[in-house]
């Protein structure tokens, strides 16, 4: 590492060993990043992440690529829609999901500076850049207001942030003023921003390319139920495995589109009244 600092290590198709190697590096004072398919880091190597990295508090950063339905043709064995839930349940694990390349770069830098284990979830295909605007700032545990609004709010993560912005624009044509939040950190979630949003809008939809169980929707529902009961609708994968197909076709088949998200906002507004 000292002679060739720019090199990376390919351990082959053995994610469990990869995490163990990273734990050893972290125990020697390094800051290793490991990456593979989300299904094989969060899933296959769950035991090693839990017991070799997070339990002893080692400074390893785990990246799960190709997560969610947009993995497309690789199908349900490789489309991980449970990784946020799995990693969020591990004590003391920071869990993040960037919405575009700009945020991913800033998130990676922040993870390197953070002392402790982190999980970063990333998708497969190219995504629209939505965070390069004046005033945008990335900070672990602090969500970003992407669009103001008073009638309802969409709290989204990952590639669903761009989808949420499109849905809010469609609803604006109907006279609805919808706030959009980029909740890039699932754990620790921005409790203050969720609370303010609930009190100021009175109706929330969460949106994620992940199961509605245990991920962003679960985190927001758990917090609101104890602190500020608010009409809430979860938009995501409804307790199902994925299927093979092009990324866009699979996302559409599971309702992860601006149009369906608009329907979810209307559902939340109906509960509000």
Protein backbone atom coordinates (compact mmCIF):
# COMPACT_ATOMS: atom_id res chain seq x y z
CA UNK A 1 0.00 0.00 0.00
CA UNK A 2 2.85 2.41 0.81
CA UNK A 3 4.70 1.70 -2.46
CA UNK A 4 1.60 1.67 -4.68
CA UNK A 5 -1.07 3.83 -3.00
CA UNK A 6 -3.17 4.07 -6.17
CA UNK A 7 -3.75 0.36 -6.46
CA UNK A 8 -6.80 -1.58 -5.41
CA UNK A 9 -7.08 -5.24 -4.44
CA UNK A 10 -9.27 -7.69 -6.33
CA UNK A 11 -10.06 -10.66 -4.10
CA UNK A 12 -12.22 -12.36 -6.70
CA UNK A 13 -15.75 -13.61 -6.22
CA UNK A 14 -15.45 -14.02 -2.46
CA UNK A 15 -17.24 -11.15 -0.77
CA UNK A 16 -17.14 -12.70 2.69
CA UNK A 17 -13.36 -12.95 2.57
CA UNK A 18 -13.19 -9.45 1.08
CA UNK A 19 -14.89 -8.01 4.16
CA UNK A 20 -12.56 -10.00 6.42
CA UNK A 21 -9.52 -8.64 4.56
CA UNK A 22 -10.90 -5.11 4.95
CA UNK A 23 -11.41 -5.68 8.68
CA UNK A 24 -7.76 -6.65 8.97
CA UNK A 25 -6.68 -3.55 7.07
CA UNK A 26 -8.84 -1.35 9.31
CA UNK A 27 -7.35 -2.99 12.39
CA UNK A 28 -3.94 -1.85 11.04
CA UNK A 29 -5.12 1.74 10.72
CA UNK A 30 -6.17 1.81 7.07
CA UNK A 31 -9.54 3.06 5.78
CA UNK A 32 -10.63 0.35 3.35
CA UNK A 33 -13.57 0.62 0.97
CA UNK A 34 -15.02 -2.67 -0.25
CA UNK A 35 -17.51 -3.01 -3.05
CA UNK A 36 -19.50 -5.60 -4.92
CA UNK A 37 -23.14 -6.14 -5.87
CA UNK A 38 -25.41 -4.97 -3.04
CA UNK A 39 -26.84 -8.48 -2.88
CA UNK A 40 -23.40 -9.90 -2.19
CA UNK A 41 -22.14 -7.32 0.27
CA UNK A 42 -25.23 -6.66 2.38
CA UNK A 43 -26.57 -10.17 1.75
CA UNK A 44 -23.85 -12.78 1.35
CA UNK A 45 -21.33 -10.99 3.57
CA UNK A 46 -23.85 -9.88 6.19
CA UNK A 47 -22.29 -12.06 8.89
CA UNK A 48 -18.79 -10.71 8.27
CA UNK A 49 -20.03 -7.11 8.14
CA UNK A 50 -21.90 -7.56 11.41
CA UNK A 51 -19.34 -9.55 13.39
CA UNK A 52 -15.95 -8.68 11.87
CA UNK A 53 -16.54 -4.99 11.11
CA UNK A 54 -19.39 -3.33 12.98
CA UNK A 55 -19.31 -5.25 16.27
CA UNK A 56 -15.65 -4.33 16.91
CA UNK A 57 -16.26 -0.85 15.44
CA UNK A 58 -13.71 -1.05 12.65
CA UNK A 59 -13.42 1.77 10.13
CA UNK A 60 -14.57 -0.11 7.01
CA UNK A 61 -16.75 1.41 4.29
CA UNK A 62 -18.98 -1.09 2.50
CA UNK A 63 -20.35 -0.14 -0.91
CA UNK A 64 -23.23 -2.09 -2.43
CA UNK A 65 -23.36 -1.48 -6.18
CA UNK A 66 -26.07 -2.58 -8.62
CA UNK A 67 -28.73 -2.48 -5.91
CA UNK A 68 -32.44 -2.17 -6.60
CA UNK A 69 -34.58 -3.04 -9.59
CA UNK A 70 -32.58 -0.91 -12.01
CA UNK A 71 -30.03 -3.71 -12.10
CA UNK A 72 -32.38 -4.85 -14.83
CA UNK A 73 -31.45 -7.92 -16.85
CA UNK A 74 -29.50 -9.55 -14.02
CA UNK A 75 -32.82 -10.45 -12.44
CA UNK A 76 -34.11 -11.11 -8.92
CA UNK A 77 -31.04 -12.99 -7.66
CA UNK A 78 -28.97 -9.85 -8.19
CA UNK A 79 -31.59 -7.12 -7.66
CA UNK A 80 -31.25 -6.39 -3.97
CA UNK A 81 -34.31 -4.65 -2.51
CA UNK A 82 -33.49 -5.55 1.10
CA UNK A 83 -30.03 -4.07 1.62
CA UNK A 84 -31.08 -0.84 3.33
CA UNK A 85 -33.20 -2.82 5.77
CA UNK A 86 -30.40 -5.30 6.48
CA UNK A 87 -27.74 -2.66 7.07
CA UNK A 88 -30.05 -0.32 8.95
CA UNK A 89 -30.74 -3.05 11.51
CA UNK A 90 -27.05 -3.46 12.35
CA UNK A 91 -26.20 -1.38 15.45
CA UNK A 92 -23.98 1.65 14.87
CA UNK A 93 -23.93 1.31 11.07
CA UNK A 94 -24.26 4.50 9.01
CA UNK A 95 -26.46 3.83 5.96
CA UNK A 96 -26.48 6.12 2.93
CA UNK A 97 -27.81 6.18 -0.64
CA UNK A 98 -26.80 8.93 -3.12
CA UNK A 99 -29.21 10.32 -5.69
CA UNK A 100 -26.66 11.25 -8.37
CA UNK A 101 -22.96 11.18 -9.25
CA UNK A 102 -22.22 14.51 -7.58
CA UNK A 103 -23.74 13.38 -4.30
CA UNK A 104 -22.02 9.99 -4.59
CA UNK A 105 -18.62 11.68 -4.82
CA UNK A 106 -19.31 13.92 -1.83
CA UNK A 107 -20.73 10.97 0.12
CA UNK A 108 -17.60 8.91 -0.54
CA UNK A 109 -15.38 11.72 0.74
CA UNK A 110 -17.56 12.15 3.82
CA UNK A 111 -17.53 8.41 4.51
CA UNK A 112 -13.72 8.39 4.35
CA UNK A 113 -13.60 11.18 6.93
CA UNK A 114 -16.21 9.57 9.17
CA UNK A 115 -14.79 7.43 11.95
CA UNK A 116 -16.70 4.16 11.90
CA UNK A 117 -18.41 1.68 9.59
CA UNK A 118 -20.60 2.92 6.74
CA UNK A 119 -22.76 1.31 4.08
CA UNK A 120 -23.25 3.15 0.78
CA UNK A 121 -25.92 1.89 -1.60
CA UNK A 122 -25.58 2.62 -5.30
CA UNK A 123 -27.52 1.65 -8.39
CA UNK A 124 -26.28 0.49 -11.77
CA UNK A 125 -27.20 2.75 -14.63
CA UNK A 126 -26.62 6.44 -15.32
CA UNK A 127 -28.87 8.88 -13.45
CA UNK A 128 -29.85 12.49 -13.90
CA UNK A 129 -27.77 15.05 -11.99
CA UNK A 130 -30.05 16.98 -9.63
CA UNK A 131 -27.80 18.25 -6.81
CA UNK A 132 -25.57 20.70 -8.64
CA UNK A 133 -27.34 23.87 -7.55
CA UNK A 134 -26.42 26.84 -5.42
CA UNK A 135 -26.93 26.13 -1.76
CA UNK A 136 -26.63 22.35 -2.00
CA UNK A 137 -24.53 20.90 0.78
CA UNK A 138 -23.83 17.30 1.70
CA UNK A 139 -23.55 16.25 5.33
CA UNK A 140 -24.02 12.79 6.78
CA UNK A 141 -27.33 12.66 8.64
CA UNK A 142 -28.73 15.88 7.13
CA UNK A 143 -31.37 15.69 4.40
CA UNK A 144 -31.64 18.28 1.64
CA UNK A 145 -34.73 20.26 0.67
CA UNK A 146 -34.70 19.97 -3.11
CA UNK A 147 -37.96 21.82 -3.64
CA UNK A 148 -40.14 23.77 -1.17
CA UNK A 149 -43.82 22.99 -0.73
CA UNK A 150 -46.64 23.25 1.77
CA UNK A 151 -49.43 20.86 0.68
CA UNK A 152 -47.54 17.56 1.00
CA UNK A 153 -44.00 16.23 0.89
CA UNK A 154 -42.06 13.48 -0.82
CA UNK A 155 -39.13 12.16 1.17
CA UNK A 156 -37.04 10.23 -1.35
CA UNK A 157 -33.67 8.54 -1.59
CA UNK A 158 -31.43 7.35 -4.40
CA UNK A 159 -32.69 7.56 -7.97
CA UNK A 160 -36.21 8.24 -6.71
CA UNK A 161 -35.19 11.81 -5.85
CA UNK A 162 -35.20 12.72 -9.56
CA UNK A 163 -38.50 10.86 -9.94
CA UNK A 164 -39.92 12.83 -7.02
CA UNK A 165 -38.93 16.13 -8.60
CA UNK A 166 -40.72 15.11 -11.81
CA UNK A 167 -43.81 14.07 -9.84
CA UNK A 168 -43.86 17.39 -7.97
CA UNK A 169 -43.69 19.25 -11.29
CA UNK A 170 -46.65 17.24 -12.63
CA UNK A 171 -48.68 17.99 -9.49
CA UNK A 172 -47.83 21.68 -9.70
CA UNK A 173 -49.88 21.76 -12.91
CA UNK A 174 -52.84 20.59 -10.78
CA UNK A 175 -52.29 23.39 -8.29
CA UNK A 176 -50.53 21.27 -5.67
CA UNK A 177 -47.43 22.55 -3.91
CA UNK A 178 -45.29 19.51 -3.07
CA UNK A 179 -42.04 19.62 -1.13
CA UNK A 180 -39.24 17.23 -2.15
CA UNK A 181 -36.62 16.02 0.32
CA UNK A 182 -33.43 14.19 -0.64
CA UNK A 183 -32.92 11.85 2.35
CA UNK A 184 -29.51 10.51 1.36
CA UNK A 185 -28.79 9.24 4.87
CA UNK A 186 -31.19 6.54 5.99
CA UNK A 187 -29.39 6.06 9.31
CA UNK A 188 -29.00 8.26 11.22
CA UNK A 189 -32.07 9.81 9.62
CA UNK A 190 -32.56 13.57 9.81
CA UNK A 191 -35.16 13.52 12.57
CA UNK A 192 -35.46 17.30 12.77
CA UNK A 193 -36.14 17.67 9.05
CA UNK A 194 -38.71 14.85 9.08
CA UNK A 195 -40.44 16.45 12.05
CA UNK A 196 -40.49 19.92 10.47
CA UNK A 197 -41.76 18.51 7.20
CA UNK A 198 -44.55 16.58 8.90
CA UNK A 199 -45.70 19.59 10.90
CA UNK A 200 -45.53 22.01 7.97
CA UNK A 201 -47.12 19.85 5.24
CA UNK A 202 -49.31 17.36 7.12
CA UNK A 203 -48.93 14.58 4.52
CA UNK A 204 -45.84 12.57 3.53
CA UNK A 205 -44.93 10.03 0.88
CA UNK A 206 -41.63 8.16 1.10
CA UNK A 207 -40.11 6.93 -2.16
CA UNK A 208 -37.30 4.41 -2.63
CA UNK A 209 -36.07 1.79 -5.09
CA UNK A 210 -36.21 -0.70 -2.23
CA UNK A 211 -38.76 -2.69 -0.32
CA UNK A 212 -41.23 -0.53 1.57
CA UNK A 213 -40.35 -2.75 4.55
CA UNK A 214 -37.39 -1.68 6.65
CA UNK A 215 -35.81 0.98 4.44
CA UNK A 216 -36.53 4.69 4.16
CA UNK A 217 -40.29 4.20 4.47
CA UNK A 218 -39.84 2.10 7.58
CA UNK A 219 -37.47 4.61 9.15
CA UNK A 220 -39.81 7.55 8.56
CA UNK A 221 -42.87 5.58 9.70
CA UNK A 222 -41.16 4.50 12.92
CA UNK A 223 -40.09 8.04 13.75
CA UNK A 224 -43.41 9.70 12.95
CA UNK A 225 -45.51 7.12 14.81
CA UNK A 226 -43.67 7.92 18.02
CA UNK A 227 -43.13 11.65 17.59
CA UNK A 228 -45.66 13.21 15.21
CA UNK A 229 -48.34 10.88 13.80
CA UNK A 230 -48.87 12.06 10.22
CA UNK A 231 -50.64 10.64 7.14
CA UNK A 232 -47.96 8.58 5.41
CA UNK A 233 -47.84 6.51 2.22
CA UNK A 234 -44.80 4.38 1.34
CA UNK A 235 -43.82 4.18 -2.34
CA UNK A 236 -41.42 1.40 -3.29
CA UNK A 237 -41.32 -2.33 -3.87
CA UNK A 238 -44.33 -3.95 -2.24
CA UNK A 239 -42.89 -7.04 -0.51
CA UNK A 240 -41.79 -8.69 -3.75
CA UNK A 241 -38.69 -9.90 -5.56
CA UNK A 242 -37.61 -8.23 -8.76
CA UNK A 243 -37.70 -9.65 -12.29
CA UNK A 244 -35.52 -9.55 -15.39
CA UNK A 245 -35.93 -6.80 -17.96
CA UNK A 246 -34.47 -3.50 -19.00
CA UNK A 247 -34.03 -1.10 -16.10
CA UNK A 248 -36.78 1.26 -17.21
CA UNK A 249 -39.20 -1.57 -17.94
CA UNK A 250 -38.68 -3.15 -14.53
CA UNK A 251 -39.04 0.17 -12.71
CA UNK A 252 -42.27 0.83 -14.61
CA UNK A 253 -43.58 -2.68 -13.88
CA UNK A 254 -43.18 -2.03 -10.16
CA UNK A 255 -44.70 1.44 -10.26
CA UNK A 256 -41.52 3.39 -9.60
CA UNK A 257 -42.54 6.21 -11.94
CA UNK A 258 -43.52 9.88 -11.53
CA UNK A 259 -47.12 9.08 -12.46
CA UNK A 260 -47.56 6.41 -9.79
CA UNK A 261 -45.79 8.64 -7.28
CA UNK A 262 -48.38 11.33 -8.07
CA UNK A 263 -51.10 8.82 -7.19
CA UNK A 264 -49.36 8.16 -3.88
CA UNK A 265 -49.34 11.88 -3.11
CA UNK A 266 -53.07 12.06 -3.82
CA UNK A 267 -53.58 9.07 -1.49
CA UNK A 268 -51.65 10.81 1.27
CA UNK A 269 -53.63 14.03 0.75
CA UNK A 270 -56.89 12.09 1.04
CA UNK A 271 -55.73 10.81 4.42
CA UNK A 272 -54.80 14.33 5.44
CA UNK A 273 -58.39 15.48 5.04
